[in-house]
Amino acid sequence: MAEELGVFIPYVGGVEHAHVLLAPLETLCIVEETCVRDKAVESLCRIGSQMKENDLVDWFVPLVKRLAAGEWFTARVSACGLFHIAYPSAPEIQLCQDDMPTVRRSAASNLGKFAATVENAHLKAEIMQIFNNLTQDDQDSVLLLAVEGCAARGKLLEPQDCVAHILPVIVNFSQDKSWRVRYMVANQLYELCEAVGPQPTRMDLVPAYVRLLRDNEAEVRIAAAGKITKFSQILSPELATQHILPCVKELSSDSSQHVRSALASVIMGMAPVLGKDATIKQLLPIYLSLLKDEFPDVRLNIISKLDQVNQVVGIDLLSQSLLPAIVELAEDRHWRVRLPIIEYIPLLASQLGVGFFYDKLDTLCMQWLQDKVYSIRDAAANNLTRLAEEFGRDWAMEHIIPQVLEMANSPHYLYRMTILRSISILAPVMGSEITCSKLLPVVENASKDRWWRRQSIHACLS
């Protein structure tokens, strides 16, 4: 009901009569269920944004005042989400000093929306005072929400005002005793750099960010590591090399696999930032280390972004440095090591292009169809389909189909079964003409195979 009432204006006679919807929504704003209150607030905001100014003053603002002064904390929580619609009559500062932490949390969460609607004079004088009060709250949950909007609030201020009011708070919270507060700072620190300018960034925010990259809590390091490229893009290459790169080297061997994964998901983007020389000397060894990581997500994150490095160092150097490591992993004697790399090959092929793939990896892909381990053969068959989809039917007809047809005559029945499996999943990609002329005869011939007639034909036709 709370959600549906938000779109009921056409059914009550239009915007002129929208105020009749406020009473039931006001009641829903007071209930205990948080999800109901949230939907009621969303609907009130939707309705209030469409109401005429005089109706807003006559009906909406009194509603917000009643909720803000309500006896139950649920009413006051809901009021916090409505002030940016009802401004300027709402007593926001009272809610930011409410006795109930739940109300203060809601006020902190909605302060950014409210701040975006007020004039600069009020923003600097009143809103920043409210913000300062919230940042001194004794509840971590309130602090989290106050910190969360720091970057957005800083962008509303002039750079000098942001340096005076927001920067000290962020630097202080980057060393807060609560790891959740530090986590929130790590998530948005790079955004604040744009608001304060280069000098404060270099003097204050870079040291704070380095501390977060070396934080004792893995969750904080994960958040900070995920922003390394964005933060580096704001800095000069010299600053990034001097301050950020040493931390990157440390994080690449972090004890937490999730930290390494977060780093691997963004580190390839540092290549365009640092340039060719620094990438070759500093980043390629780190890429190589992460490419050999025991955690599959780390390897995938590196392989999926190889094109960013390719644009900087060129395909030749990339093939000389990283490709041998990929091939080495793909030929490892342990099949559980080979399997993830094999599954990444189509992604790698799409990153590096058809010519490079055919020169360097085509032979490997066909060899895997005759691996001793079923999981490898099955993954190789799936690869052929994904490669055909990536490079097109004509390419597959020239480079894949002839080799598949040749392997159909293998003396080993397990390999012949793999070929039938390959044919069954290649057929939809290749189309009816090629399937009938090239692939179907192999299936017909397989029906005469005395070793695996029944199982293979069933698998192919299914």
Protein backbone atom coordinates (compact mmCIF):
# COMPACT_ATOMS: atom_id res chain seq x y z
CA MET A 1 0.00 0.00 0.00
CA ALA A 2 2.75 2.44 0.96
CA GLU A 3 4.38 1.96 -2.43
CA GLU A 4 1.20 2.07 -4.52
CA LEU A 5 -0.12 5.29 -2.96
CA GLY A 6 2.86 7.11 -4.45
CA VAL A 7 1.41 6.66 -7.95
CA PHE A 8 -2.21 7.31 -7.00
CA ILE A 9 -2.36 11.01 -7.96
CA PRO A 10 -4.17 10.35 -11.29
CA TYR A 11 -6.85 8.35 -9.43
CA VAL A 12 -7.76 11.09 -6.92
CA GLY A 13 -8.41 13.84 -9.43
CA GLY A 14 -4.89 15.00 -10.23
CA VAL A 15 -2.30 17.14 -8.49
CA GLU A 16 -4.96 19.53 -7.14
CA HIS A 17 -6.25 16.75 -4.88
CA ALA A 18 -2.94 15.04 -4.10
CA HIS A 19 -3.18 16.13 -0.47
CA VAL A 20 -5.85 13.49 0.20
CA LEU A 21 -3.13 10.85 -0.10
CA LEU A 22 -1.01 12.37 2.66
CA ALA A 23 -3.10 11.18 5.63
CA PRO A 24 -2.80 7.40 4.99
CA LEU A 25 0.88 7.77 4.17
CA GLU A 26 1.44 9.73 7.38
CA THR A 27 -0.06 6.81 9.28
CA LEU A 28 2.22 4.37 7.47
CA CYS A 29 5.24 6.55 8.34
CA ILE A 30 4.73 5.69 12.01
CA VAL A 31 4.50 1.89 11.85
CA GLU A 32 7.26 -0.31 13.26
CA GLU A 33 8.20 -2.11 10.04
CA THR A 34 11.15 -0.25 8.52
CA CYS A 35 10.42 -1.38 4.97
CA VAL A 36 6.87 0.01 5.18
CA ARG A 37 8.10 3.34 6.56
CA ASP A 38 10.74 3.62 3.85
CA LYS A 39 8.19 3.03 1.09
CA ALA A 40 5.81 5.54 2.69
CA VAL A 41 8.57 8.16 2.74
CA GLU A 42 9.43 7.44 -0.90
CA SER A 43 5.77 7.85 -1.86
CA LEU A 44 5.46 11.10 0.10
CA CYS A 45 8.55 12.46 -1.64
CA ARG A 46 7.12 11.47 -5.01
CA ILE A 47 3.80 13.16 -4.24
CA GLY A 48 5.36 16.23 -2.60
CA SER A 49 7.60 16.86 -5.60
CA GLN A 50 4.47 17.15 -7.78
CA MET A 51 2.31 19.26 -5.45
CA LYS A 52 1.75 22.96 -6.08
CA GLU A 53 3.62 25.35 -3.81
CA ASN A 54 0.56 26.55 -1.89
CA ASP A 55 -0.62 22.96 -1.33
CA LEU A 56 2.88 22.05 -0.20
CA VAL A 57 2.78 24.79 2.44
CA ASP A 58 -0.80 24.03 3.51
CA TRP A 59 -0.61 20.24 3.66
CA PHE A 60 2.88 18.79 3.26
CA VAL A 61 4.89 21.04 5.58
CA PRO A 62 2.48 20.56 8.52
CA LEU A 63 2.73 16.79 7.99
CA VAL A 64 6.52 16.95 8.21
CA LYS A 65 6.32 19.10 11.33
CA ARG A 66 3.94 16.63 12.99
CA LEU A 67 6.24 13.72 12.20
CA ALA A 68 9.31 15.66 13.35
CA ALA A 69 7.68 16.39 16.70
CA GLY A 70 6.14 12.94 17.04
CA GLU A 71 6.24 11.06 20.31
CA TRP A 72 7.35 7.83 18.62
CA PHE A 73 10.85 7.68 17.19
CA THR A 74 9.47 6.01 14.05
CA ALA A 75 7.70 9.25 13.15
CA ARG A 76 10.84 11.30 13.64
CA VAL A 77 12.88 8.83 11.58
CA SER A 78 10.44 9.20 8.68
CA ALA A 79 10.50 12.99 8.96
CA CYS A 80 14.21 13.04 8.21
CA GLY A 81 13.59 11.78 4.69
CA LEU A 82 11.09 14.53 3.90
CA PHE A 83 12.94 17.75 4.73
CA HIS A 84 14.51 18.19 1.32
CA ILE A 85 10.96 18.36 -0.06
CA ALA A 86 9.49 20.57 2.67
CA TYR A 87 12.41 23.03 3.13
CA PRO A 88 12.65 25.68 4.54
CA SER A 89 10.14 25.11 7.34
CA ALA A 90 11.54 21.87 8.75
CA PRO A 91 13.33 21.90 12.17
CA GLU A 92 16.20 19.66 10.98
CA ILE A 93 18.63 20.51 13.80
CA GLN A 94 16.24 19.15 16.43
CA LEU A 95 16.29 15.72 14.83
CA CYS A 96 20.09 15.69 14.57
CA GLN A 97 20.18 16.13 18.35
CA ASP A 98 17.39 13.64 19.09
CA ASP A 99 17.79 11.34 22.08
CA MET A 100 17.17 8.27 19.91
CA PRO A 101 20.23 7.07 17.90
CA THR A 102 17.85 5.71 15.26
CA VAL A 103 16.52 9.21 14.61
CA ARG A 104 20.01 10.72 14.50
CA ARG A 105 21.05 8.01 12.02
CA SER A 106 18.17 8.89 9.76
CA ALA A 107 18.95 12.59 10.08
CA ALA A 108 22.59 11.95 9.18
CA SER A 109 21.56 9.78 6.23
CA ASN A 110 19.28 12.48 4.80
CA LEU A 111 21.38 15.54 5.62
CA GLY A 112 23.02 15.44 2.18
CA LYS A 113 19.67 15.65 0.36
CA PHE A 114 18.65 18.51 2.61
CA ALA A 115 21.97 20.33 2.12
CA ALA A 116 21.56 20.22 -1.66
CA THR A 117 18.36 22.30 -1.39
CA VAL A 118 19.54 25.14 0.85
CA GLU A 119 21.26 28.41 -0.03
CA ASN A 120 25.03 28.74 0.38
CA ALA A 121 24.70 31.02 3.38
CA HIS A 122 22.63 28.45 5.29
CA LEU A 123 24.84 25.64 4.03
CA LYS A 124 27.98 27.16 5.55
CA ALA A 125 26.40 28.41 8.75
CA GLU A 126 23.67 26.02 9.80
CA ILE A 127 24.14 22.79 7.86
CA MET A 128 27.85 22.58 8.59
CA GLN A 129 27.11 23.09 12.29
CA ILE A 130 24.64 20.22 12.15
CA PHE A 131 27.24 18.15 10.32
CA ASN A 132 29.90 18.92 12.94
CA ASN A 133 27.52 17.84 15.70
CA LEU A 134 26.82 14.54 13.95
CA THR A 135 30.53 13.84 13.46
CA GLN A 136 31.00 14.05 17.22
CA ASP A 137 28.23 11.55 17.96
CA ASP A 138 29.05 8.71 20.36
CA GLN A 139 27.28 6.14 18.15
CA ASP A 140 29.37 4.52 15.40
CA SER A 141 26.26 3.97 13.29
CA VAL A 142 25.57 7.72 13.28
CA LEU A 143 29.20 8.51 12.46
CA LEU A 144 29.12 6.09 9.52
CA LEU A 145 26.22 7.89 7.90
CA ALA A 146 27.67 11.30 8.66
CA VAL A 147 30.96 10.34 7.02
CA GLU A 148 29.21 8.70 4.07
CA GLY A 149 28.04 12.04 2.72
CA CYS A 150 31.28 13.95 3.27
CA ALA A 151 32.42 13.90 -0.35
CA ALA A 152 29.03 14.88 -1.75
CA ARG A 153 28.71 17.64 0.84
CA GLY A 154 32.22 18.85 0.08
CA LYS A 155 31.31 19.32 -3.58
CA LEU A 156 28.57 21.76 -2.54
CA LEU A 157 31.14 24.01 -0.87
CA GLU A 158 33.84 26.23 -2.28
CA PRO A 159 37.28 24.53 -2.17
CA GLN A 160 38.51 26.73 0.69
CA ASP A 161 35.38 26.00 2.74
CA CYS A 162 35.73 22.29 2.02
CA VAL A 163 39.33 22.40 3.25
CA ALA A 164 38.24 24.25 6.38
CA HIS A 165 35.19 22.15 7.30
CA ILE A 166 35.30 18.73 5.61
CA LEU A 167 38.98 17.91 5.24
CA PRO A 168 39.84 17.87 8.98
CA VAL A 169 36.88 15.58 9.64
CA ILE A 170 37.92 13.09 6.96
CA VAL A 171 41.57 13.05 8.04
CA ASN A 172 40.49 12.51 11.65
CA PHE A 173 38.08 9.72 10.74
CA SER A 174 40.74 7.96 8.66
CA GLN A 175 42.32 7.16 12.03
CA ASP A 176 39.08 6.46 13.92
CA LYS A 177 39.06 3.56 16.37
CA SER A 178 36.10 1.99 14.54
CA TRP A 179 37.14 0.05 11.44
CA ARG A 180 33.68 0.64 9.95
CA VAL A 181 34.25 4.38 10.02
CA ARG A 182 37.67 3.96 8.42
CA TYR A 183 36.08 1.68 5.82
CA MET A 184 33.59 4.41 4.92
CA VAL A 185 36.41 6.95 4.59
CA ALA A 186 38.39 4.59 2.33
CA ASN A 187 35.38 4.22 0.04
CA GLN A 188 35.04 7.92 -0.75
CA LEU A 189 38.41 9.52 -0.10
CA TYR A 190 39.23 9.86 -3.80
CA GLU A 191 36.03 11.87 -4.38
CA LEU A 192 37.08 14.41 -1.79
CA CYS A 193 40.33 15.03 -3.67
CA GLU A 194 38.33 16.65 -6.46
CA ALA A 195 36.59 18.95 -3.99
CA VAL A 196 39.64 20.21 -2.07
CA GLY A 197 42.14 20.63 -4.92
CA PRO A 198 45.71 19.39 -5.53
CA GLN A 199 47.61 21.02 -2.65
CA PRO A 200 45.45 19.68 0.24
CA THR A 201 45.29 16.34 -1.55
CA ARG A 202 49.07 16.06 -1.62
CA MET A 203 49.57 17.31 1.94
CA ASP A 204 46.67 15.65 3.79
CA LEU A 205 44.71 13.11 1.76
CA VAL A 206 47.60 11.12 0.28
CA PRO A 207 49.05 10.32 3.75
CA ALA A 208 45.54 9.42 4.98
CA TYR A 209 44.99 7.12 2.01
CA VAL A 210 48.36 5.40 2.50
CA ARG A 211 47.39 4.71 6.13
CA LEU A 212 44.15 3.12 4.95
CA LEU A 213 45.98 0.94 2.42
CA ARG A 214 48.09 -0.35 5.31
CA ASP A 215 45.22 -0.62 7.80
CA ASN A 216 45.15 -3.52 10.26
CA GLU A 217 41.63 -4.52 9.19
CA ALA A 218 41.31 -6.45 5.93
CA GLU A 219 37.91 -4.89 5.20
CA VAL A 220 39.45 -1.41 5.21
CA ARG A 221 42.30 -2.54 2.96
CA ILE A 222 39.76 -4.08 0.57
CA ALA A 223 37.86 -0.80 0.29
CA ALA A 224 41.05 1.24 -0.12
CA ALA A 225 42.59 -1.19 -2.63
CA GLY A 226 39.47 -1.03 -4.79
CA LYS A 227 39.98 2.72 -5.25
CA ILE A 228 43.69 2.66 -6.09
CA THR A 229 43.31 3.45 -9.78
CA LYS A 230 40.75 6.22 -9.22
CA PHE A 231 42.95 7.78 -6.56
CA SER A 232 46.05 7.50 -8.74
CA GLN A 233 44.26 9.18 -11.65
CA ILE A 234 43.83 12.29 -9.52
CA LEU A 235 47.52 12.42 -8.63
CA SER A 236 50.48 13.12 -10.86
CA PRO A 237 52.39 10.04 -12.09
CA GLU A 238 55.30 11.05 -9.85
CA LEU A 239 53.15 11.17 -6.71
CA ALA A 240 51.42 7.91 -7.59
CA THR A 241 54.79 6.21 -8.13
CA GLN A 242 56.26 7.64 -4.94
CA HIS A 243 53.39 7.07 -2.51
CA ILE A 244 50.88 4.58 -3.95
CA LEU A 245 53.06 2.09 -5.79
CA PRO A 246 54.91 0.84 -2.66
CA CYS A 247 51.53 0.05 -1.10
CA VAL A 248 50.45 -1.76 -4.26
CA LYS A 249 53.49 -4.02 -4.00
CA GLU A 250 52.61 -4.82 -0.38
CA LEU A 251 48.95 -5.51 -1.17
CA SER A 252 49.84 -7.88 -4.02
CA SER A 253 51.12 -10.32 -1.39
CA ASP A 254 48.52 -9.49 1.27
CA SER A 255 47.47 -12.32 3.56
CA SER A 256 43.81 -11.79 2.61
CA GLN A 257 42.76 -13.23 -0.74
CA HIS A 258 39.93 -10.69 -0.88
CA VAL A 259 42.39 -7.81 -0.62
CA ARG A 260 44.42 -9.29 -3.48
CA SER A 261 41.25 -9.77 -5.50
CA ALA A 262 40.18 -6.15 -4.93
CA LEU A 263 43.62 -5.00 -6.00
CA ALA A 264 43.63 -7.23 -9.08
CA SER A 265 40.25 -5.84 -10.17
CA VAL A 266 41.64 -2.31 -10.55
CA ILE A 267 45.43 -2.49 -10.79
CA MET A 268 45.48 -2.91 -14.57
CA GLY A 269 44.02 0.60 -14.80
CA MET A 270 47.20 2.00 -13.27
CA ALA A 271 49.16 1.29 -16.47
CA PRO A 272 47.74 4.29 -18.40
CA VAL A 273 48.26 6.46 -15.31
CA LEU A 274 51.93 5.60 -14.74
CA GLY A 275 52.97 5.30 -18.38
CA LYS A 276 54.93 2.72 -20.34
CA ASP A 277 58.28 2.83 -18.51
CA ALA A 278 56.83 2.57 -14.99
CA THR A 279 54.41 -0.12 -16.14
CA ILE A 280 57.23 -2.25 -17.53
CA LYS A 281 59.56 -1.77 -14.56
CA GLN A 282 57.10 -1.62 -11.67
CA LEU A 283 53.70 -3.04 -12.60
CA LEU A 284 54.45 -6.03 -14.84
CA PRO A 285 56.15 -7.98 -12.01
CA ILE A 286 53.09 -7.34 -9.83
CA TYR A 287 50.75 -8.46 -12.63
CA LEU A 288 52.81 -11.61 -13.02
CA SER A 289 52.59 -12.32 -9.29
CA LEU A 290 48.81 -11.86 -9.24
CA LEU A 291 48.43 -13.95 -12.38
CA LYS A 292 49.94 -16.88 -10.49
CA ASP A 293 47.81 -16.31 -7.39
CA GLU A 294 46.19 -19.42 -5.94
CA PHE A 295 42.82 -17.66 -5.63
CA PRO A 296 40.87 -17.97 -8.95
CA ASP A 297 39.17 -14.56 -8.69
CA VAL A 298 42.55 -12.84 -8.55
CA ARG A 299 43.68 -14.51 -11.79
CA LEU A 300 40.37 -13.75 -13.49
CA ASN A 301 40.54 -10.08 -12.54
CA ILE A 302 43.98 -9.79 -14.10
CA ILE A 303 43.12 -11.63 -17.32
CA SER A 304 39.86 -9.71 -17.81
CA LYS A 305 41.67 -6.35 -17.88
CA LEU A 306 44.72 -7.22 -19.99
CA ASP A 307 43.57 -4.88 -22.74
CA GLN A 308 44.33 -1.86 -20.51
CA VAL A 309 47.97 -2.94 -20.27
CA ASN A 310 48.07 -3.87 -23.94
CA GLN A 311 47.17 -0.27 -24.84
CA VAL A 312 50.20 0.99 -22.89
CA VAL A 313 53.00 -1.52 -23.47
CA GLY A 314 51.91 -3.11 -26.75
CA ILE A 315 51.00 -6.65 -27.69
CA ASP A 316 54.59 -7.78 -28.29
CA LEU A 317 55.82 -6.93 -24.82
CA LEU A 318 52.65 -8.29 -23.28
CA SER A 319 53.13 -11.62 -25.03
CA GLN A 320 56.75 -11.76 -23.90
CA SER A 321 56.00 -11.00 -20.25
CA LEU A 322 52.58 -12.30 -19.24
CA LEU A 323 51.59 -14.84 -21.89
CA PRO A 324 54.30 -17.37 -20.94
CA ALA A 325 52.92 -17.38 -17.40
CA ILE A 326 49.41 -17.97 -18.71
CA VAL A 327 50.59 -20.83 -20.92
CA GLU A 328 52.60 -22.30 -18.05
CA LEU A 329 49.52 -22.36 -15.83
CA ALA A 330 47.43 -23.83 -18.63
CA GLU A 331 49.92 -26.72 -18.93
CA ASP A 332 50.36 -27.31 -15.20
CA ARG A 333 50.45 -30.98 -14.19
CA HIS A 334 47.61 -30.44 -11.70
CA TRP A 335 44.31 -30.30 -13.55
CA ARG A 336 42.72 -28.07 -10.91
CA VAL A 337 45.32 -25.44 -11.78
CA ARG A 338 44.80 -25.89 -15.52
CA LEU A 339 41.01 -25.72 -15.41
CA PRO A 340 40.51 -22.07 -14.31
CA ILE A 341 43.03 -20.82 -16.87
CA ILE A 342 41.36 -22.83 -19.63
CA GLU A 343 38.00 -21.32 -18.72
CA TYR A 344 39.50 -17.82 -19.00
CA ILE A 345 40.91 -18.37 -22.50
CA PRO A 346 37.86 -17.03 -24.42
CA LEU A 347 37.97 -13.91 -22.29
CA LEU A 348 41.68 -13.57 -22.96
CA ALA A 349 41.08 -14.07 -26.67
CA SER A 350 38.52 -11.26 -26.73
CA GLN A 351 41.02 -8.99 -24.98
CA LEU A 352 43.95 -9.68 -27.32
CA GLY A 353 42.23 -10.19 -30.66
CA VAL A 354 41.79 -12.95 -33.20
CA GLY A 355 45.24 -12.71 -34.81
CA PHE A 356 47.12 -12.92 -31.54
CA PHE A 357 44.93 -15.78 -30.34
CA TYR A 358 45.48 -17.86 -33.46
CA ASP A 359 49.25 -17.37 -33.33
CA LYS A 360 49.70 -18.11 -29.63
CA LEU A 361 46.79 -20.09 -28.19
CA ASP A 362 44.93 -21.93 -30.94
CA THR A 363 47.05 -25.09 -30.70
CA LEU A 364 46.62 -25.25 -26.93
CA CYS A 365 42.84 -25.05 -27.20
CA MET A 366 42.72 -28.04 -29.52
CA GLN A 367 45.16 -30.05 -27.39
CA TRP A 368 42.87 -29.72 -24.38
CA LEU A 369 40.21 -31.70 -26.25
CA GLN A 370 42.47 -34.74 -25.79
CA ASP A 371 43.39 -34.15 -22.16
CA LYS A 372 43.37 -37.13 -19.80
CA VAL A 373 40.95 -35.40 -17.40
CA TYR A 374 37.27 -35.20 -18.33
CA SER A 375 36.73 -31.76 -16.73
CA ILE A 376 39.49 -30.33 -18.92
CA ARG A 377 38.06 -31.88 -22.08
CA ASP A 378 34.59 -30.61 -21.24
CA ALA A 379 35.90 -27.09 -20.56
CA ALA A 380 37.80 -27.21 -23.86
CA ALA A 381 34.61 -28.15 -25.72
CA ASN A 382 32.78 -25.23 -24.15
CA ASN A 383 35.68 -22.98 -25.12
CA LEU A 384 35.25 -23.81 -28.80
CA THR A 385 31.67 -22.58 -28.72
CA ARG A 386 32.58 -19.37 -26.91
CA LEU A 387 35.42 -18.74 -29.37
CA ALA A 388 33.09 -19.32 -32.32
CA GLU A 389 30.67 -16.81 -30.82
CA GLU A 390 33.47 -14.30 -30.22
CA PHE A 391 35.26 -14.50 -33.59
CA GLY A 392 32.38 -15.46 -35.84
CA ARG A 393 31.14 -18.39 -37.87
CA ASP A 394 33.56 -17.88 -40.77
CA TRP A 395 36.59 -17.93 -38.48
CA ALA A 396 35.33 -21.06 -36.73
CA MET A 397 34.71 -22.76 -40.07
CA GLU A 398 38.30 -22.09 -41.10
CA HIS A 399 40.16 -22.75 -37.85
CA ILE A 400 38.02 -24.92 -35.55
CA ILE A 401 35.78 -27.20 -37.62
CA PRO A 402 38.57 -28.87 -39.69
CA GLN A 403 40.51 -29.81 -36.55
CA VAL A 404 37.37 -31.05 -34.80
CA LEU A 405 36.48 -33.23 -37.78
CA GLU A 406 39.99 -34.66 -37.84
CA MET A 407 39.84 -35.55 -34.15
CA ALA A 408 36.58 -37.41 -34.72
CA ASN A 409 38.72 -40.28 -36.03
CA SER A 410 40.79 -40.55 -32.85
CA PRO A 411 41.52 -44.17 -31.82
CA HIS A 412 40.55 -43.31 -28.21
CA TYR A 413 36.79 -43.55 -27.65
CA LEU A 414 36.83 -40.93 -24.84
CA TYR A 415 38.27 -38.37 -27.21
CA ARG A 416 35.68 -39.25 -29.84
CA MET A 417 32.98 -38.68 -27.24
CA THR A 418 34.46 -35.26 -26.50
CA ILE A 419 34.28 -34.40 -30.19
CA LEU A 420 30.59 -35.33 -30.28
CA ARG A 421 30.06 -33.14 -27.25
CA SER A 422 31.85 -30.31 -29.08
CA ILE A 423 29.72 -30.80 -32.16
CA SER A 424 26.48 -30.74 -30.17
CA ILE A 425 27.23 -27.33 -28.66
CA LEU A 426 28.88 -25.89 -31.80
CA ALA A 427 25.90 -26.70 -34.02
CA PRO A 428 23.60 -23.86 -32.82
CA VAL A 429 26.42 -21.35 -33.34
CA MET A 430 27.45 -22.62 -36.78
CA GLY A 431 23.94 -22.65 -38.24
CA SER A 432 21.92 -25.27 -40.09
CA GLU A 433 23.87 -25.22 -43.37
CA ILE A 434 27.27 -25.98 -41.85
CA THR A 435 25.73 -28.37 -39.33
CA CYS A 436 24.07 -30.44 -42.05
CA SER A 437 27.01 -30.43 -44.45
CA LYS A 438 29.95 -30.77 -42.05
CA LEU A 439 28.83 -31.87 -38.59
CA LEU A 440 25.90 -34.21 -39.19
CA PRO A 441 27.98 -36.76 -41.16
CA VAL A 442 30.24 -37.14 -38.12
CA VAL A 443 27.20 -37.89 -35.97
CA GLU A 444 25.92 -40.40 -38.52
CA ASN A 445 29.29 -42.10 -38.59
CA ALA A 446 29.33 -42.18 -34.79
CA SER A 447 26.08 -44.14 -34.83
CA LYS A 448 28.10 -47.04 -36.21
CA ASP A 449 30.78 -46.84 -33.52
CA ARG A 450 30.70 -50.11 -31.58
CA TRP A 451 32.17 -48.62 -28.37
CA TRP A 452 29.98 -45.68 -27.58
CA ARG A 453 27.08 -45.74 -30.02
CA ARG A 454 24.22 -45.44 -27.57
CA GLN A 455 25.69 -42.98 -25.05
CA SER A 456 27.25 -40.65 -27.61
CA ILE A 457 24.25 -40.38 -29.90
CA HIS A 458 22.00 -39.72 -26.93
CA ALA A 459 24.34 -37.00 -25.64
CA CYS A 460 24.59 -35.36 -29.04
CA LEU A 461 20.85 -35.34 -29.78
CA SER A 462 19.91 -34.10 -26.32
